[in-house]
Amino acid sequence: MLHNTPPTFDAAKYLVARERMQRRNALWHSARLRLGDEQFFTNLGAVERSVSVQLHREGLG
């Protein structure tokens, strides 16, 4: 029986997801360095929208 078995591992999807995660982390880090802590935390929503738009432009969204 195959009850509660995880789906098969797809290496291609994993690599795309890993690239997206690494790029998202880099964009968040860049925004924090550029804005400084106070502005960064005040504008988290805008930062997330900007990061999402950039990932979409790069084909990772």
Protein backbone atom coordinates (compact mmCIF):
# COMPACT_ATOMS: atom_id res chain seq x y z
CA MET A 1 0.00 0.00 0.00
CA LEU A 2 1.12 3.53 -0.75
CA HIS A 3 -0.77 5.45 1.89
CA ASN A 4 0.75 8.72 3.11
CA THR A 5 3.79 8.48 0.85
CA PRO A 6 5.42 11.74 -0.23
CA PRO A 7 5.39 12.65 -3.91
CA THR A 8 8.47 11.75 -5.93
CA PHE A 9 11.36 14.18 -5.79
CA ASP A 10 11.70 16.46 -8.82
CA ALA A 11 15.25 17.78 -9.00
CA ALA A 12 14.42 20.41 -11.64
CA LYS A 13 11.67 21.93 -9.48
CA TYR A 14 13.97 21.84 -6.48
CA LEU A 15 16.70 23.74 -8.33
CA VAL A 16 14.26 26.42 -9.51
CA ALA A 17 12.85 26.79 -6.00
CA ARG A 18 16.35 27.02 -4.53
CA GLU A 19 17.36 29.69 -7.06
CA ARG A 20 14.17 31.64 -6.29
CA MET A 21 14.83 31.41 -2.53
CA GLN A 22 18.43 32.56 -2.89
CA ARG A 23 17.47 35.47 -5.14
CA ARG A 24 14.62 36.48 -2.80
CA ASN A 25 17.04 36.45 0.14
CA ALA A 26 19.55 38.57 -1.80
CA LEU A 27 16.88 41.13 -2.73
CA TRP A 28 15.64 41.38 0.87
CA HIS A 29 19.21 41.77 2.14
CA SER A 30 19.95 44.45 -0.45
CA ALA A 31 16.80 46.36 0.52
CA ARG A 32 17.70 46.22 4.20
CA LEU A 33 21.22 47.51 3.56
CA ARG A 34 19.95 50.28 1.32
CA LEU A 35 17.09 51.45 3.55
CA GLY A 36 18.57 50.96 6.99
CA ASP A 37 16.78 49.13 9.78
CA GLU A 38 14.15 51.72 10.69
CA GLN A 39 12.91 52.40 7.15
CA PHE A 40 13.19 48.73 6.23
CA PHE A 41 10.91 47.58 9.04
CA THR A 42 8.52 50.49 8.50
CA ASN A 43 8.12 49.56 4.83
CA LEU A 44 8.06 45.75 4.90
CA GLY A 45 4.94 45.59 2.71
CA ALA A 46 6.46 47.77 0.02
CA VAL A 47 9.69 45.79 0.14
CA GLU A 48 7.80 42.51 -0.33
CA ARG A 49 5.88 43.92 -3.29
CA SER A 50 9.09 45.19 -4.88
CA VAL A 51 10.86 41.87 -4.34
CA SER A 52 7.92 39.97 -5.84
CA VAL A 53 7.82 42.25 -8.89
CA GLN A 54 11.57 41.86 -9.42
CA LEU A 55 11.37 38.06 -9.13
CA HIS A 56 8.55 38.06 -11.68
CA ARG A 57 10.63 40.21 -14.07
CA GLU A 58 13.49 37.75 -13.73
CA GLY A 59 11.21 34.79 -14.45
CA LEU A 60 11.43 33.43 -10.91
CA GLY A 61 8.08 34.68 -9.63
